[in-house]
């Protein structure tokens, strides 16, 4: 697998000049370098904040012909989840996403919602408001994210189609705290971990992918992982990594064995997850399936983001074995046509 260790332009003549993976954001993305139609450009920032009791997922994205502002609240004690999204037609880059993940502000406001992700000076401040989120109650969320680790997962993936690419960073093991106000009820979030899914790209029309992630404290050490496949031409590198005390440890290829029932995926039965290098061997026990499906033939989005517990063993680059005992995280399967 090809590791990138020097700064360079992501796109030359609209295509990725040097596919691979990195542990820092060495590729320089510039929307002006894209040669594809503005209808096809996709830019997004997705944050997931979790502790043992509650999860908050906040999304801002601009998919060219439409944008999306979304809030999910997950209760791991009951368990239950609630997601409300606002679709904004024909955004075409007007939301103005930054060219890198280290600094910048993304803002959107209308009569339904108010979102702002403000990044700089070593911290991330997230604000989200949505009217009538649940039982006619408005929701307001304010989260501070800090302690970003030195290394993360960064990947530049081409597709087998001219001018199509996927540039993605996943930052695990950040720390977070904040407040969720739903109506007159206030919930404080403490001792939480945060994950960022930062992406820019031009995708092909039909894709199905797997993405899994988890963070936690293992014997006093920050630990997390990112696993995934199925998106673009990953012959240069996979996106599979372990994170331990701020350092990244590269894995080879991962396979998720999702059980089936009546010839369909049975997302709420236990999964097994294996790796080609035998460094990630895991049982995944589902707790919540955050499922959503929109299918109008030309456009389809079938999403199953399954939250649950990981139990098994991982091996760091130096051979150290770490045992996970019901580490809370998620693994998703998503099929999109758009």
Protein backbone atom coordinates (compact mmCIF):
# COMPACT_ATOMS: atom_id res chain seq x y z
CA UNK A 1 0.00 0.00 0.00
CA UNK A 2 1.28 3.41 -0.97
CA UNK A 3 1.85 5.93 1.83
CA UNK A 4 2.07 9.63 0.99
CA UNK A 5 4.45 11.63 3.19
CA UNK A 6 4.87 14.96 1.34
CA UNK A 7 2.55 17.86 0.53
CA UNK A 8 1.22 17.87 -3.03
CA UNK A 9 -1.76 18.86 -5.15
CA UNK A 10 -4.59 16.36 -5.01
CA UNK A 11 -5.80 16.88 -8.58
CA UNK A 12 -3.91 17.42 -11.82
CA UNK A 13 -6.10 17.90 -14.91
CA UNK A 14 -9.08 16.94 -12.75
CA UNK A 15 -7.75 13.53 -11.68
CA UNK A 16 -5.89 12.27 -8.60
CA UNK A 17 -2.22 12.38 -9.55
CA UNK A 18 -0.96 10.18 -6.70
CA UNK A 19 -3.47 7.76 -5.09
CA UNK A 20 -2.71 6.23 -1.71
CA UNK A 21 -3.10 6.79 2.02
CA UNK A 22 -1.53 9.16 4.51
CA UNK A 23 -1.50 9.80 8.24
CA UNK A 24 -1.77 13.55 7.79
CA UNK A 25 -3.53 15.76 5.24
CA UNK A 26 -0.70 16.06 2.73
CA UNK A 27 -2.88 16.31 -0.38
CA UNK A 28 -4.01 19.87 -1.15
CA UNK A 29 -7.63 19.99 -2.27
CA UNK A 30 -8.98 22.90 -4.29
CA UNK A 31 -12.52 22.88 -5.64
CA UNK A 32 -11.34 24.94 -8.61
CA UNK A 33 -9.19 21.97 -9.78
CA UNK A 34 -12.29 19.83 -10.37
CA UNK A 35 -13.17 19.22 -14.02
CA UNK A 36 -16.49 17.43 -13.52
CA UNK A 37 -19.92 19.07 -13.63
CA UNK A 38 -20.96 21.08 -10.55
CA UNK A 39 -23.97 18.74 -10.37
CA UNK A 40 -21.61 15.88 -9.34
CA UNK A 41 -19.38 17.58 -6.73
CA UNK A 42 -19.88 16.36 -3.16
CA UNK A 43 -18.48 18.04 -0.03
CA UNK A 44 -19.36 17.11 3.55
CA UNK A 45 -18.40 17.29 7.22
CA UNK A 46 -19.92 14.65 9.51
CA UNK A 47 -19.28 14.56 13.26
CA UNK A 48 -20.19 11.74 15.63
CA UNK A 49 -19.98 12.39 19.37
CA UNK A 50 -20.50 9.44 21.72
CA UNK A 51 -20.17 8.29 25.30
CA UNK A 52 -21.63 5.15 26.87
CA UNK A 53 -25.10 6.71 27.18
CA UNK A 54 -25.73 9.08 24.28
CA UNK A 55 -24.68 9.71 20.70
CA UNK A 56 -24.99 12.87 18.59
CA UNK A 57 -24.44 12.87 14.82
CA UNK A 58 -24.30 16.19 12.96
CA UNK A 59 -24.02 16.47 9.18
CA UNK A 60 -23.51 19.39 6.83
CA UNK A 61 -23.11 18.55 3.16
CA UNK A 62 -23.40 20.00 -0.31
CA UNK A 63 -24.01 17.42 -3.03
CA UNK A 64 -24.30 19.82 -5.94
CA UNK A 65 -27.97 19.58 -6.82
CA UNK A 66 -28.90 19.35 -3.12
CA UNK A 67 -27.53 20.06 0.34
CA UNK A 68 -28.34 18.37 3.63
CA UNK A 69 -28.40 19.47 7.26
CA UNK A 70 -29.02 16.57 9.64
CA UNK A 71 -29.20 15.81 13.37
CA UNK A 72 -29.33 12.35 14.92
CA UNK A 73 -29.70 11.69 18.65
CA UNK A 74 -29.07 8.16 19.91
CA UNK A 75 -29.92 6.82 23.36
CA UNK A 76 -27.86 3.68 24.04
CA UNK A 77 -29.65 2.93 27.31
CA UNK A 78 -33.19 2.33 25.98
CA UNK A 79 -32.03 1.95 23.08
CA UNK A 80 -33.55 4.32 20.49
CA UNK A 81 -32.66 6.96 17.90
CA UNK A 82 -34.19 9.98 16.22
CA UNK A 83 -33.00 11.62 13.00
CA UNK A 84 -34.33 14.77 11.34
CA UNK A 85 -32.84 16.20 8.15
CA UNK A 86 -33.41 19.30 6.06
CA UNK A 87 -32.82 19.09 2.30
CA UNK A 88 -31.78 22.26 0.50
CA UNK A 89 -32.21 22.15 -3.30
CA UNK A 90 -29.61 23.29 -5.85
CA UNK A 91 -26.78 24.36 -3.52
CA UNK A 92 -23.97 23.91 -6.11
CA UNK A 93 -21.22 24.87 -3.65
CA UNK A 94 -23.01 27.90 -2.20
CA UNK A 95 -22.59 26.59 1.37
CA UNK A 96 -18.82 27.15 0.91
CA UNK A 97 -17.00 24.23 2.47
CA UNK A 98 -13.31 24.81 3.40
CA UNK A 99 -10.55 23.18 1.36
CA UNK A 100 -9.03 21.50 4.44
CA UNK A 101 -10.17 20.15 7.80
CA UNK A 102 -7.89 22.24 10.01
CA UNK A 103 -9.61 25.60 9.81
CA UNK A 104 -12.65 27.36 8.44
CA UNK A 105 -16.30 27.96 9.13
CA UNK A 106 -19.34 26.35 7.52
CA UNK A 107 -22.68 28.07 8.09
CA UNK A 108 -26.25 27.54 6.97
CA UNK A 109 -29.45 29.07 8.34
CA UNK A 110 -33.09 29.17 7.31
CA UNK A 111 -36.48 29.14 9.05
CA UNK A 112 -36.13 25.41 9.86
CA UNK A 113 -32.53 25.02 11.01
CA UNK A 114 -29.32 26.82 11.99
CA UNK A 115 -25.94 25.06 11.64
CA UNK A 116 -22.39 26.29 12.19
CA UNK A 117 -19.14 24.28 12.31
CA UNK A 118 -16.27 26.56 13.30
CA UNK A 119 -12.73 25.10 13.22
CA UNK A 120 -9.48 26.76 14.26
CA UNK A 121 -6.92 27.30 17.01
CA UNK A 122 -6.87 23.60 17.86
CA UNK A 123 -10.57 23.18 18.58
CA UNK A 124 -13.86 22.60 16.85
CA UNK A 125 -17.10 24.30 17.88
CA UNK A 126 -20.31 22.74 16.58
CA UNK A 127 -23.72 24.40 16.77
CA UNK A 128 -26.94 22.92 15.42
CA UNK A 129 -30.57 23.94 15.80
CA UNK A 130 -33.63 22.23 14.30
CA UNK A 131 -37.27 23.21 14.74
CA UNK A 132 -39.80 20.53 15.71
CA UNK A 133 -37.17 17.86 16.17
CA UNK A 134 -39.31 15.61 18.36
CA UNK A 135 -42.84 15.93 19.78
CA UNK A 136 -43.01 19.55 18.51
CA UNK A 137 -39.92 20.42 20.57
CA UNK A 138 -37.01 22.32 19.04
CA UNK A 139 -33.48 21.02 19.59
CA UNK A 140 -30.29 23.01 20.15
CA UNK A 141 -26.87 21.34 20.30
CA UNK A 142 -23.56 22.97 21.21
CA UNK A 143 -20.44 20.78 21.25
CA UNK A 144 -16.77 21.61 21.83
CA UNK A 145 -14.24 19.16 20.36
CA UNK A 146 -10.57 19.22 21.37
CA UNK A 147 -7.42 17.10 21.84
CA UNK A 148 -7.09 16.22 18.16
CA UNK A 149 -4.49 13.43 17.79
CA UNK A 150 -1.33 13.84 15.75
CA UNK A 151 -2.28 11.25 13.13
CA UNK A 152 -5.47 10.27 11.33
CA UNK A 153 -6.69 8.29 8.32
CA UNK A 154 -6.43 10.16 5.02
CA UNK A 155 -7.05 8.52 1.67
CA UNK A 156 -7.12 9.66 -1.96
CA UNK A 157 -9.09 7.19 -4.05
CA UNK A 158 -9.74 7.40 -7.81
CA UNK A 159 -12.65 5.83 -9.63
CA UNK A 160 -12.31 4.08 -12.96
CA UNK A 161 -13.96 7.05 -14.60
CA UNK A 162 -12.34 10.30 -15.69
CA UNK A 163 -12.60 13.26 -13.30
CA UNK A 164 -14.12 11.13 -10.50
CA UNK A 165 -12.39 10.84 -7.12
CA UNK A 166 -12.84 10.45 -3.37
CA UNK A 167 -10.70 12.42 -0.91
CA UNK A 168 -11.42 11.56 2.71
CA UNK A 169 -10.10 12.09 6.22
CA UNK A 170 -11.35 10.24 9.29
CA UNK A 171 -10.18 11.68 12.62
CA UNK A 172 -10.70 9.37 15.59
CA UNK A 173 -10.12 9.74 19.33
CA UNK A 174 -10.90 13.44 19.71
CA UNK A 175 -12.49 14.44 23.02
CA UNK A 176 -15.79 16.29 23.32
CA UNK A 177 -18.20 17.92 25.72
CA UNK A 178 -21.35 19.92 25.30
CA UNK A 179 -25.06 20.44 25.85
CA UNK A 180 -28.20 19.15 24.14
CA UNK A 181 -31.41 21.10 24.76
CA UNK A 182 -34.66 19.48 23.64
CA UNK A 183 -37.62 21.62 24.61
CA UNK A 184 -37.07 22.37 28.29
CA UNK A 185 -34.88 19.31 28.85
CA UNK A 186 -31.10 19.83 29.01
CA UNK A 187 -28.59 16.99 28.75
CA UNK A 188 -24.91 17.58 29.41
CA UNK A 189 -22.41 15.53 27.43
CA UNK A 190 -19.16 14.72 29.21
CA UNK A 191 -16.41 12.11 28.85
CA UNK A 192 -17.25 11.73 25.18
CA UNK A 193 -15.21 10.89 22.10
CA UNK A 194 -15.65 12.51 18.71
CA UNK A 195 -15.03 11.29 15.17
CA UNK A 196 -14.89 13.43 12.04
CA UNK A 197 -15.70 12.15 8.55
CA UNK A 198 -14.40 14.91 6.23
CA UNK A 199 -14.87 14.33 2.53
CA UNK A 200 -14.61 15.99 -0.86
CA UNK A 201 -15.08 14.37 -4.22
CA UNK A 202 -16.89 13.49 -7.40
CA UNK A 203 -18.49 10.06 -7.17
CA UNK A 204 -19.76 7.68 -9.78
CA UNK A 205 -23.53 7.16 -9.90
CA UNK A 206 -23.90 3.84 -8.02
CA UNK A 207 -21.86 2.85 -4.95
CA UNK A 208 -22.19 0.51 -1.97
CA UNK A 209 -19.77 0.77 0.90
CA UNK A 210 -18.97 -0.42 4.42
CA UNK A 211 -17.69 1.96 7.10
CA UNK A 212 -17.01 1.16 10.75
CA UNK A 213 -15.46 3.10 13.61
CA UNK A 214 -15.10 3.14 17.38
CA UNK A 215 -13.24 5.06 20.10
CA UNK A 216 -12.58 4.39 23.76
CA UNK A 217 -10.21 4.33 26.69
CA UNK A 218 -8.29 1.06 26.90
CA UNK A 219 -6.29 0.78 30.13
CA UNK A 220 -5.72 4.54 30.24
CA UNK A 221 -4.88 4.90 26.53
CA UNK A 222 -6.95 6.56 23.81
CA UNK A 223 -7.79 3.87 21.27
CA UNK A 224 -9.85 3.88 18.10
CA UNK A 225 -10.13 2.41 14.64
CA UNK A 226 -11.45 3.13 11.16
CA UNK A 227 -12.42 0.34 8.79
CA UNK A 228 -14.10 0.41 5.39
CA UNK A 229 -14.19 -0.64 1.75
CA UNK A 230 -16.27 -0.72 -1.41
CA UNK A 231 -15.81 2.87 -2.53
CA UNK A 232 -13.70 3.60 -5.60
CA UNK A 233 -10.48 1.92 -6.76
CA UNK A 234 -8.64 1.03 -3.54
CA UNK A 235 -5.78 -0.84 -5.22
CA UNK A 236 -3.32 1.84 -4.01
CA UNK A 237 -4.47 1.71 -0.37
CA UNK A 238 -7.26 0.77 1.99
CA UNK A 239 -8.67 3.06 4.68
CA UNK A 240 -8.21 0.58 7.54
CA UNK A 241 -6.28 1.90 10.56
CA UNK A 242 -5.90 1.50 14.30
CA UNK A 243 -5.18 4.52 16.52
CA UNK A 244 -3.33 4.29 19.83
CA UNK A 245 -2.14 7.28 21.85
CA UNK A 246 -2.40 9.55 18.81
CA UNK A 247 -0.46 7.31 16.41
CA UNK A 248 -1.88 5.47 13.39
CA UNK A 249 -1.24 1.78 12.65
CA UNK A 250 -2.06 0.67 9.09
CA UNK A 251 -4.09 -2.47 8.43
CA UNK A 252 -4.55 -4.35 5.17
CA UNK A 253 -8.01 -5.36 3.92
CA UNK A 254 -11.11 -5.83 6.06
CA UNK A 255 -14.15 -8.03 5.38
CA UNK A 256 -17.49 -7.62 7.19
CA UNK A 257 -19.54 -10.79 7.36
CA UNK A 258 -23.12 -9.53 7.73
CA UNK A 259 -25.54 -12.39 8.48
CA UNK A 260 -28.52 -12.95 6.20
CA UNK A 261 -32.11 -14.01 6.71
CA UNK A 262 -34.44 -14.86 3.82
CA UNK A 263 -31.69 -13.79 1.40
CA UNK A 264 -31.48 -10.28 2.90
CA UNK A 265 -28.97 -8.68 5.25
CA UNK A 266 -29.88 -9.32 8.88
CA UNK A 267 -28.33 -6.23 10.41
CA UNK A 268 -29.44 -6.86 14.00
CA UNK A 269 -27.82 -10.30 14.36
CA UNK A 270 -24.13 -10.52 15.38
CA UNK A 271 -21.57 -9.84 12.63
CA UNK A 272 -18.01 -11.10 12.33
CA UNK A 273 -15.29 -8.85 10.94
CA UNK A 274 -11.90 -10.16 9.79
CA UNK A 275 -8.75 -8.80 8.19
CA UNK A 276 -6.39 -10.21 5.58
CA UNK A 277 -3.40 -9.60 7.88
CA UNK A 278 -5.14 -11.18 10.92
CA UNK A 279 -4.69 -7.95 12.90
CA UNK A 280 -8.40 -7.18 13.29
CA UNK A 281 -10.58 -10.10 14.36
CA UNK A 282 -13.88 -8.96 15.81
CA UNK A 283 -17.42 -9.84 16.85
CA UNK A 284 -19.89 -6.99 16.40
CA UNK A 285 -23.12 -7.14 18.44
CA UNK A 286 -25.75 -4.68 17.11
CA UNK A 287 -27.78 -2.46 19.41
CA UNK A 288 -29.46 0.15 17.13
CA UNK A 289 -29.99 0.15 13.37
CA UNK A 290 -30.23 3.78 12.26
CA UNK A 291 -31.92 2.88 9.00
CA UNK A 292 -33.28 5.12 6.25
CA UNK A 293 -34.26 4.32 2.68
CA UNK A 294 -35.30 6.62 -0.15
CA UNK A 295 -35.91 4.91 -3.47
CA UNK A 296 -37.41 6.81 -6.41
CA UNK A 297 -35.59 4.65 -8.98
CA UNK A 298 -33.31 7.32 -10.44
CA UNK A 299 -32.21 8.39 -6.95
CA UNK A 300 -31.76 5.85 -4.18
CA UNK A 301 -30.21 5.96 -0.72
CA UNK A 302 -30.46 2.84 1.43
CA UNK A 303 -28.58 3.36 4.69
CA UNK A 304 -28.04 1.11 7.69
CA UNK A 305 -25.75 2.69 10.28
CA UNK A 306 -25.69 0.02 12.95
CA UNK A 307 -24.46 0.91 16.44
CA UNK A 308 -23.26 -1.80 18.76
CA UNK A 309 -20.40 -3.42 20.65
CA UNK A 310 -17.06 -4.68 19.35
CA UNK A 311 -15.36 -7.61 21.10
CA UNK A 312 -12.12 -9.13 19.87
CA UNK A 313 -8.42 -8.54 19.31
CA UNK A 314 -6.35 -6.06 17.32
CA UNK A 315 -2.57 -5.96 16.77
CA UNK A 316 -0.51 -2.76 16.54
CA UNK A 317 2.43 -2.29 14.16
CA UNK A 318 4.93 -3.42 16.82
CA UNK A 319 3.03 -6.66 17.49
CA UNK A 320 1.27 -5.51 20.66
CA UNK A 321 -2.10 -7.24 21.00
CA UNK A 322 -5.02 -5.26 22.44
CA UNK A 323 -8.24 -6.92 23.54
CA UNK A 324 -11.52 -5.06 23.11
CA UNK A 325 -14.38 -5.99 25.42
CA UNK A 326 -17.70 -4.55 24.20
CA UNK A 327 -16.29 -1.31 22.85
CA UNK A 328 -19.19 0.86 21.65
CA UNK A 329 -19.02 1.92 18.00
CA UNK A 330 -20.82 1.44 14.70
CA UNK A 331 -20.59 -0.22 11.32
CA UNK A 332 -22.69 0.84 8.35
CA UNK A 333 -23.68 -0.46 4.95
CA UNK A 334 -24.88 2.18 2.51
CA UNK A 335 -26.05 1.89 -1.10
CA UNK A 336 -26.42 5.14 -3.04
CA UNK A 337 -27.56 5.99 -6.55
CA UNK A 338 -27.23 9.72 -7.10
